[in-house]
C-alpha cells in the first residue's frame, strides 16, 4: 500500500501559486522502466540554478506508504554527474507519518544546490530527483518517543 498524490489545490496555492491550470497539468512520479527502483519526480516549473545557489523546489506531491517503510529522495545520478547538482541534505528521508500532516498535508519539497561553475537550467517536466521506497527494521527494545513532528516546510 503505497502511492503518490497531489496535495490539495488549497495547499498548492499556499506553497506554489494559485494557477489552476499548472496544478492540473503536473505529473505524478513514475519509474522510467520496469527495472528501475526510483520514481522520478518531475519539476512543476522551469528552473535555473546559478553556481553555489540553493533552491527549495515544491513538488506538489505527498505520499502514503506502509508504517515499516521510508521514502528516500535522492538526486538522479545523471543530474549529479552531468551538472554537479546535489541534494542539500544528501538523502531526503520521508517517514510514513509525514503524510497528511496538519502543517502542510505532507507536501514533499526537494532542496538542491549547484556545486558546479555553470548556470544549470531545467525545463518543467524534467526530473532532477527520484524517490525510492525502502523497508526498515527496528531494534528489539524499540523506543518510540511519540514526539509530535515539525514540518520542514
N, C-alpha and C. Protein backbone atom coordinates (compact mmCIF):
# COMPACT_ATOMS: atom_id res chain seq x y z
N UNK A 1 0.84 -1.16 0.00
CA UNK A 1 0.00 0.00 0.00
C UNK A 1 0.89 1.24 0.00
N UNK A 2 1.08 1.79 -1.16
CA UNK A 2 1.89 3.00 -1.30
C UNK A 2 1.52 3.68 -2.61
N UNK A 3 1.51 4.98 -2.58
CA UNK A 3 1.23 5.73 -3.80
C UNK A 3 1.52 7.21 -3.58
N UNK A 4 1.61 7.93 -4.68
CA UNK A 4 1.79 9.37 -4.67
C UNK A 4 0.46 10.03 -4.99
N UNK A 5 0.25 11.20 -4.41
CA UNK A 5 -0.94 12.00 -4.68
C UNK A 5 -0.51 13.46 -4.80
N UNK A 6 -1.33 14.24 -5.48
CA UNK A 6 -1.13 15.68 -5.46
C UNK A 6 -1.62 16.22 -4.12
N UNK A 7 -0.96 17.27 -3.64
CA UNK A 7 -1.50 17.98 -2.49
C UNK A 7 -2.79 18.66 -2.95
N UNK A 8 -3.61 19.13 -2.04
CA UNK A 8 -4.84 19.81 -2.43
C UNK A 8 -4.51 21.11 -3.16
N UNK A 9 -5.46 21.60 -3.93
CA UNK A 9 -5.25 22.87 -4.61
C UNK A 9 -5.06 24.00 -3.61
N UNK A 10 -5.74 23.94 -2.49
CA UNK A 10 -5.59 24.96 -1.45
C UNK A 10 -4.14 24.99 -0.93
N UNK A 11 -3.56 23.82 -0.68
CA UNK A 11 -2.16 23.75 -0.23
C UNK A 11 -1.22 24.20 -1.34
N UNK A 12 -1.53 23.85 -2.58
CA UNK A 12 -0.74 24.27 -3.73
C UNK A 12 -0.70 25.80 -3.80
N UNK A 13 -1.84 26.45 -3.56
CA UNK A 13 -1.90 27.91 -3.58
C UNK A 13 -0.99 28.50 -2.50
N UNK A 14 -0.93 27.88 -1.33
CA UNK A 14 -0.07 28.36 -0.24
C UNK A 14 1.41 28.17 -0.56
N UNK A 15 1.75 27.02 -1.14
CA UNK A 15 3.15 26.63 -1.30
C UNK A 15 3.75 26.98 -2.66
N UNK A 16 2.93 27.10 -3.69
CA UNK A 16 3.45 27.30 -5.05
C UNK A 16 2.85 28.56 -5.67
N UNK A 17 1.61 28.47 -6.11
CA UNK A 17 0.90 29.60 -6.72
C UNK A 17 -0.57 29.22 -6.88
N UNK A 18 -1.39 30.15 -7.31
CA UNK A 18 -2.82 29.86 -7.46
C UNK A 18 -3.22 29.62 -8.91
N UNK A 19 -2.35 29.02 -9.68
CA UNK A 19 -2.58 28.72 -11.09
C UNK A 19 -3.22 27.33 -11.22
N UNK A 20 -4.52 27.29 -11.43
CA UNK A 20 -5.25 26.01 -11.51
C UNK A 20 -4.77 25.17 -12.70
N UNK A 21 -4.48 25.83 -13.80
CA UNK A 21 -4.01 25.11 -14.99
C UNK A 21 -2.68 24.40 -14.70
N UNK A 22 -1.77 25.08 -14.01
CA UNK A 22 -0.50 24.47 -13.63
C UNK A 22 -0.74 23.29 -12.69
N UNK A 23 -1.61 23.49 -11.71
CA UNK A 23 -1.94 22.42 -10.76
C UNK A 23 -2.47 21.18 -11.49
N UNK A 24 -3.36 21.39 -12.44
CA UNK A 24 -3.96 20.26 -13.16
C UNK A 24 -2.98 19.58 -14.11
N UNK A 25 -1.90 20.27 -14.48
CA UNK A 25 -1.03 19.74 -15.54
C UNK A 25 0.18 18.94 -15.06
N UNK A 26 0.65 19.13 -13.83
CA UNK A 26 1.88 18.45 -13.46
C UNK A 26 1.64 16.96 -13.18
N UNK A 27 2.70 16.17 -13.37
CA UNK A 27 2.60 14.72 -13.33
C UNK A 27 3.01 14.14 -11.99
N UNK A 28 2.41 12.99 -11.69
CA UNK A 28 2.82 12.21 -10.53
C UNK A 28 4.12 11.48 -10.85
N UNK A 29 4.92 11.13 -9.84
CA UNK A 29 6.16 10.40 -10.09
C UNK A 29 5.91 9.07 -10.79
N UNK A 30 6.88 8.67 -11.60
CA UNK A 30 6.79 7.40 -12.33
C UNK A 30 8.19 6.82 -12.48
N UNK A 31 8.25 5.51 -12.64
CA UNK A 31 9.53 4.85 -12.93
C UNK A 31 9.75 4.91 -14.44
N UNK A 32 11.00 5.03 -14.84
CA UNK A 32 11.29 5.13 -16.28
C UNK A 32 11.25 3.78 -16.98
N UNK A 33 11.37 2.69 -16.22
CA UNK A 33 11.24 1.35 -16.79
C UNK A 33 10.87 0.37 -15.67
N UNK A 34 10.53 -0.82 -16.06
CA UNK A 34 10.15 -1.85 -15.10
C UNK A 34 11.30 -2.23 -14.16
N UNK A 35 12.53 -2.00 -14.58
CA UNK A 35 13.71 -2.43 -13.81
C UNK A 35 14.29 -1.32 -12.93
N UNK A 36 13.74 -0.13 -12.96
CA UNK A 36 14.30 0.95 -12.13
C UNK A 36 13.64 0.98 -10.76
N UNK A 37 14.42 1.30 -9.74
CA UNK A 37 13.92 1.35 -8.37
C UNK A 37 13.25 2.68 -8.06
N UNK A 38 13.75 3.75 -8.65
CA UNK A 38 13.31 5.09 -8.29
C UNK A 38 12.16 5.61 -9.11
N UNK A 39 11.29 6.36 -8.44
CA UNK A 39 10.19 7.08 -9.08
C UNK A 39 10.66 8.50 -9.34
N UNK A 40 10.73 8.88 -10.61
CA UNK A 40 11.19 10.22 -10.97
C UNK A 40 10.20 11.28 -10.53
N UNK A 41 10.72 12.33 -9.88
CA UNK A 41 9.93 13.50 -9.51
C UNK A 41 10.13 14.54 -10.60
N UNK A 42 9.05 15.02 -11.18
CA UNK A 42 9.11 15.95 -12.30
C UNK A 42 8.91 17.39 -11.83
N UNK A 43 9.70 18.29 -12.36
CA UNK A 43 9.59 19.70 -11.99
C UNK A 43 8.25 20.27 -12.44
N UNK A 44 7.65 21.05 -11.59
CA UNK A 44 6.39 21.71 -11.91
C UNK A 44 6.62 22.88 -12.86
N UNK A 45 7.72 23.59 -12.66
CA UNK A 45 8.02 24.78 -13.45
C UNK A 45 9.48 24.75 -13.88
N UNK A 46 9.82 25.58 -14.88
CA UNK A 46 11.22 25.72 -15.30
C UNK A 46 12.05 26.14 -14.09
N UNK A 47 13.32 25.75 -14.14
CA UNK A 47 14.21 26.04 -13.02
C UNK A 47 15.58 26.43 -13.55
N UNK A 48 16.15 27.48 -12.99
CA UNK A 48 17.53 27.88 -13.30
C UNK A 48 18.24 28.02 -11.97
N UNK A 49 19.42 27.41 -11.88
CA UNK A 49 20.18 27.45 -10.63
C UNK A 49 21.62 27.87 -10.93
N UNK A 50 22.03 28.95 -10.29
CA UNK A 50 23.37 29.51 -10.50
C UNK A 50 24.41 28.75 -9.67
N UNK A 51 25.68 28.85 -10.03
CA UNK A 51 26.73 28.20 -9.24
C UNK A 51 26.65 28.62 -7.77
N UNK A 52 26.70 27.65 -6.89
CA UNK A 52 26.64 27.90 -5.45
C UNK A 52 25.24 28.13 -4.90
N UNK A 53 24.28 28.34 -5.77
CA UNK A 53 22.91 28.65 -5.32
C UNK A 53 22.21 27.40 -4.78
N UNK A 54 21.33 27.64 -3.80
CA UNK A 54 20.48 26.60 -3.22
C UNK A 54 19.03 26.97 -3.51
N UNK A 55 18.27 26.02 -4.01
CA UNK A 55 16.86 26.25 -4.34
C UNK A 55 16.00 25.17 -3.69
N UNK A 56 14.92 25.61 -3.06
CA UNK A 56 13.92 24.71 -2.48
C UNK A 56 12.79 24.54 -3.50
N UNK A 57 12.60 23.31 -3.94
CA UNK A 57 11.66 23.02 -5.01
C UNK A 57 10.39 22.38 -4.45
N UNK A 58 9.23 22.99 -4.67
CA UNK A 58 7.99 22.32 -4.30
C UNK A 58 7.67 21.25 -5.34
N UNK A 59 7.27 20.08 -4.87
CA UNK A 59 6.90 19.02 -5.82
C UNK A 59 5.40 18.98 -6.08
N UNK A 60 4.61 19.55 -5.16
CA UNK A 60 3.16 19.46 -5.28
C UNK A 60 2.65 18.08 -4.92
N UNK A 61 3.50 17.27 -4.28
CA UNK A 61 3.18 15.86 -4.02
C UNK A 61 3.20 15.52 -2.54
N UNK A 62 2.45 14.51 -2.22
CA UNK A 62 2.53 13.84 -0.93
C UNK A 62 2.49 12.35 -1.23
N UNK A 63 2.80 11.55 -0.23
CA UNK A 63 2.93 10.12 -0.48
C UNK A 63 2.52 9.33 0.75
N UNK A 64 1.76 8.27 0.53
CA UNK A 64 1.44 7.37 1.64
C UNK A 64 2.09 6.02 1.37
N UNK A 65 2.46 5.35 2.46
CA UNK A 65 3.09 4.04 2.35
C UNK A 65 3.04 3.34 3.69
N UNK A 66 3.49 2.11 3.73
CA UNK A 66 3.41 1.28 4.92
C UNK A 66 4.24 1.85 6.08
N UNK A 67 3.79 1.56 7.31
CA UNK A 67 4.46 2.08 8.50
C UNK A 67 5.91 1.62 8.65
N UNK A 68 6.26 0.48 8.07
CA UNK A 68 7.62 -0.04 8.20
C UNK A 68 8.47 0.28 6.97
N UNK A 69 8.13 1.37 6.31
CA UNK A 69 8.86 1.80 5.12
C UNK A 69 9.26 3.27 5.26
N UNK A 70 10.19 3.66 4.44
CA UNK A 70 10.63 5.04 4.34
C UNK A 70 10.76 5.36 2.85
N UNK A 71 10.56 6.61 2.50
CA UNK A 71 10.79 7.05 1.13
C UNK A 71 12.06 7.87 1.13
N UNK A 72 13.09 7.38 0.44
CA UNK A 72 14.33 8.12 0.28
C UNK A 72 14.22 8.97 -0.98
N UNK A 73 14.61 10.23 -0.87
CA UNK A 73 14.68 11.12 -2.03
C UNK A 73 16.16 11.32 -2.33
N UNK A 74 16.55 11.03 -3.54
CA UNK A 74 17.94 11.17 -3.96
C UNK A 74 17.99 11.90 -5.30
N UNK A 75 19.10 12.57 -5.55
CA UNK A 75 19.29 13.23 -6.84
C UNK A 75 19.44 12.15 -7.91
N UNK A 76 18.91 12.39 -9.08
CA UNK A 76 19.12 11.43 -10.17
C UNK A 76 20.60 11.42 -10.51
N UNK A 77 21.15 10.24 -10.71
CA UNK A 77 22.60 10.13 -10.90
C UNK A 77 23.09 10.94 -12.10
N UNK A 78 22.35 10.96 -13.18
CA UNK A 78 22.75 11.73 -14.35
C UNK A 78 22.82 13.22 -14.07
N UNK A 79 21.91 13.72 -13.25
CA UNK A 79 21.91 15.14 -12.89
C UNK A 79 23.14 15.47 -12.05
N UNK A 80 23.48 14.59 -11.13
CA UNK A 80 24.67 14.80 -10.31
C UNK A 80 25.94 14.73 -11.13
N UNK A 81 26.04 13.71 -11.99
CA UNK A 81 27.25 13.52 -12.79
C UNK A 81 27.43 14.63 -13.82
N UNK A 82 26.37 14.95 -14.56
CA UNK A 82 26.48 15.92 -15.66
C UNK A 82 26.58 17.36 -15.19
N UNK A 83 25.81 17.71 -14.15
CA UNK A 83 25.66 19.12 -13.79
C UNK A 83 26.19 19.48 -12.41
N UNK A 84 26.67 18.50 -11.66
CA UNK A 84 27.19 18.74 -10.31
C UNK A 84 26.11 19.33 -9.38
N UNK A 85 24.89 18.83 -9.56
CA UNK A 85 23.77 19.21 -8.70
C UNK A 85 23.66 18.16 -7.60
N UNK A 86 23.43 18.59 -6.37
CA UNK A 86 23.26 17.65 -5.27
C UNK A 86 22.09 18.08 -4.40
N UNK A 87 21.55 17.13 -3.66
CA UNK A 87 20.57 17.47 -2.65
C UNK A 87 21.32 18.08 -1.47
N UNK A 88 20.79 19.12 -0.90
CA UNK A 88 21.45 19.79 0.21
C UNK A 88 21.62 18.83 1.39
N UNK A 89 20.63 17.98 1.64
CA UNK A 89 20.73 17.04 2.76
C UNK A 89 21.22 15.66 2.31
N UNK A 90 21.74 15.57 1.11
CA UNK A 90 22.30 14.35 0.51
C UNK A 90 21.24 13.29 0.22
N UNK A 91 20.47 12.90 1.23
CA UNK A 91 19.36 11.96 1.05
C UNK A 91 18.18 12.48 1.86
N UNK A 92 17.07 12.70 1.19
CA UNK A 92 15.86 13.10 1.91
C UNK A 92 15.20 11.86 2.50
N UNK A 93 14.73 11.97 3.72
CA UNK A 93 14.07 10.86 4.39
C UNK A 93 12.63 11.29 4.69
N UNK A 94 11.69 10.63 4.05
CA UNK A 94 10.27 10.91 4.27
C UNK A 94 9.69 9.73 5.04
N UNK A 95 9.22 9.99 6.25
CA UNK A 95 8.63 8.95 7.09
C UNK A 95 7.14 8.82 6.79
N UNK A 96 6.57 7.68 7.11
CA UNK A 96 5.16 7.40 6.83
C UNK A 96 4.23 8.38 7.52
N UNK A 97 4.60 8.88 8.70
CA UNK A 97 3.70 9.79 9.41
C UNK A 97 3.76 11.24 8.89
N UNK A 98 4.55 11.50 7.87
CA UNK A 98 4.58 12.83 7.25
C UNK A 98 3.34 13.05 6.39
N UNK A 99 2.76 11.98 5.88
CA UNK A 99 1.58 12.05 5.02
C UNK A 99 0.41 12.72 5.75
N UNK A 100 -0.20 13.68 5.08
CA UNK A 100 -1.38 14.40 5.58
C UNK A 100 -1.16 15.08 6.93
N UNK A 101 0.09 15.47 7.24
CA UNK A 101 0.30 16.19 8.50
C UNK A 101 -0.46 17.51 8.47
N UNK A 102 -0.70 18.08 9.64
CA UNK A 102 -1.56 19.26 9.75
C UNK A 102 -0.90 20.54 9.26
N UNK A 103 0.42 20.60 9.19
CA UNK A 103 1.06 21.85 8.80
C UNK A 103 1.14 22.06 7.29
N UNK A 104 1.26 20.98 6.51
CA UNK A 104 1.35 21.19 5.06
C UNK A 104 0.87 19.98 4.23
N UNK A 105 0.05 19.13 4.83
CA UNK A 105 -0.50 17.94 4.15
C UNK A 105 0.55 16.89 3.80
N UNK A 106 1.79 17.09 4.20
CA UNK A 106 2.84 16.16 3.81
C UNK A 106 3.48 16.52 2.48
N UNK A 107 3.37 17.80 2.09
CA UNK A 107 3.95 18.27 0.84
C UNK A 107 5.47 18.01 0.86
N UNK A 108 5.94 17.29 -0.12
CA UNK A 108 7.36 16.95 -0.23
C UNK A 108 8.09 18.05 -1.00
N UNK A 109 9.12 18.59 -0.38
CA UNK A 109 9.98 19.57 -1.03
C UNK A 109 11.34 18.94 -1.28
N UNK A 110 12.02 19.42 -2.29
CA UNK A 110 13.37 18.96 -2.61
C UNK A 110 14.26 20.19 -2.63
N UNK A 111 15.38 20.14 -1.91
CA UNK A 111 16.29 21.28 -1.86
C UNK A 111 17.60 20.87 -2.53
N UNK A 112 17.97 21.60 -3.58
CA UNK A 112 19.18 21.26 -4.34
C UNK A 112 20.17 22.42 -4.32
N UNK A 113 21.42 22.07 -4.60
CA UNK A 113 22.49 23.06 -4.70
C UNK A 113 23.30 22.78 -5.95
N UNK A 114 23.69 23.85 -6.63
CA UNK A 114 24.56 23.76 -7.80
C UNK A 114 25.99 23.91 -7.30
N UNK A 115 26.73 22.81 -7.32
CA UNK A 115 28.13 22.85 -6.88
C UNK A 115 29.09 23.01 -8.05
N UNK A 116 28.54 23.23 -9.24
CA UNK A 116 29.38 23.42 -10.42
C UNK A 116 29.72 24.88 -10.63
N UNK A 117 30.30 25.15 -11.80
CA UNK A 117 30.73 26.51 -12.15
C UNK A 117 29.86 27.15 -13.21
N UNK A 118 28.82 26.47 -13.65
CA UNK A 118 27.95 26.95 -14.71
C UNK A 118 26.51 27.06 -14.22
N UNK A 119 25.76 27.97 -14.80
CA UNK A 119 24.32 28.04 -14.55
C UNK A 119 23.69 26.81 -15.19
N UNK A 120 22.79 26.16 -14.47
CA UNK A 120 22.12 24.97 -14.97
C UNK A 120 20.62 25.26 -15.06
N UNK A 121 20.04 24.92 -16.20
CA UNK A 121 18.61 25.14 -16.42
C UNK A 121 17.91 23.81 -16.70
N UNK A 122 16.71 23.67 -16.14
CA UNK A 122 15.87 22.51 -16.39
C UNK A 122 14.49 23.01 -16.79
N UNK A 123 13.87 22.34 -17.71
CA UNK A 123 12.51 22.67 -18.14
C UNK A 123 11.50 21.98 -17.23
N UNK A 124 10.33 22.56 -17.14
CA UNK A 124 9.23 21.91 -16.43
C UNK A 124 9.05 20.52 -17.02
N UNK A 125 8.80 19.54 -16.17
CA UNK A 125 8.65 18.16 -16.63
C UNK A 125 9.94 17.37 -16.55
N UNK A 126 11.08 18.07 -16.37
CA UNK A 126 12.36 17.37 -16.19
C UNK A 126 12.39 16.74 -14.81
N UNK A 127 13.22 15.72 -14.66
CA UNK A 127 13.37 15.07 -13.36
C UNK A 127 14.77 15.31 -12.84
N UNK A 128 14.87 15.88 -11.63
CA UNK A 128 16.18 16.10 -11.01
C UNK A 128 16.39 15.16 -9.82
N UNK A 129 15.29 14.57 -9.33
CA UNK A 129 15.38 13.69 -8.16
C UNK A 129 14.43 12.51 -8.34
N UNK A 130 14.65 11.51 -7.50
CA UNK A 130 13.78 10.34 -7.53
C UNK A 130 13.53 9.84 -6.12
N UNK A 131 12.42 9.15 -5.96
CA UNK A 131 12.06 8.58 -4.66
C UNK A 131 12.15 7.07 -4.71
N UNK A 132 12.71 6.50 -3.66
CA UNK A 132 12.87 5.04 -3.57
C UNK A 132 12.28 4.57 -2.24
N UNK A 133 11.36 3.63 -2.31
CA UNK A 133 10.76 3.06 -1.10
C UNK A 133 11.66 1.96 -0.55
N UNK A 134 11.88 1.99 0.77
CA UNK A 134 12.74 1.01 1.42
C UNK A 134 12.09 0.56 2.72
N UNK A 135 12.07 -0.76 2.95
CA UNK A 135 11.63 -1.28 4.25
C UNK A 135 12.76 -1.07 5.25
N UNK A 136 12.39 -0.85 6.51
CA UNK A 136 13.41 -0.70 7.54
C UNK A 136 13.06 -1.57 8.74
N UNK A 137 14.06 -1.80 9.58
CA UNK A 137 13.90 -2.62 10.78
C UNK A 137 14.05 -1.75 12.01
N UNK A 138 13.53 -2.23 13.13
CA UNK A 138 13.70 -1.54 14.41
C UNK A 138 14.38 -2.50 15.39
N UNK A 139 14.86 -1.96 16.48
CA UNK A 139 15.52 -2.79 17.49
C UNK A 139 14.49 -3.61 18.27
N UNK A 140 14.95 -4.67 18.92
CA UNK A 140 14.05 -5.49 19.75
C UNK A 140 13.45 -4.67 20.89
N UNK A 141 14.21 -3.73 21.40
CA UNK A 141 13.74 -2.89 22.51
C UNK A 141 13.30 -1.51 21.99
N UNK A 142 12.67 -1.51 20.86
CA UNK A 142 12.29 -0.26 20.19
C UNK A 142 11.71 0.77 21.16
N UNK A 143 12.32 1.92 21.16
CA UNK A 143 11.84 3.03 21.99
C UNK A 143 11.32 4.12 21.06
N UNK A 144 10.03 4.32 21.12
CA UNK A 144 9.40 5.34 20.29
C UNK A 144 8.89 6.44 21.21
N UNK A 145 9.38 7.65 21.01
CA UNK A 145 9.06 8.75 21.91
C UNK A 145 7.73 9.42 21.60
N UNK A 146 7.17 9.13 20.43
CA UNK A 146 5.90 9.75 20.01
C UNK A 146 5.94 11.27 20.11
N UNK A 147 7.04 11.84 19.69
CA UNK A 147 7.18 13.29 19.67
C UNK A 147 6.44 13.82 18.45
N UNK A 148 5.68 14.90 18.66
CA UNK A 148 4.97 15.50 17.53
C UNK A 148 6.00 16.05 16.56
N UNK A 149 5.85 15.72 15.30
CA UNK A 149 6.83 16.14 14.30
C UNK A 149 6.56 17.56 13.85
N UNK A 150 7.62 18.21 13.46
CA UNK A 150 7.55 19.57 12.96
C UNK A 150 7.80 19.53 11.47
N UNK A 151 6.99 20.21 10.70
CA UNK A 151 7.14 20.23 9.25
C UNK A 151 8.43 20.94 8.87
N UNK A 152 9.04 20.46 7.81
CA UNK A 152 10.26 21.10 7.28
C UNK A 152 9.93 22.11 6.19
N UNK A 153 8.67 22.48 6.08
CA UNK A 153 8.25 23.38 5.03
C UNK A 153 9.02 24.62 5.07
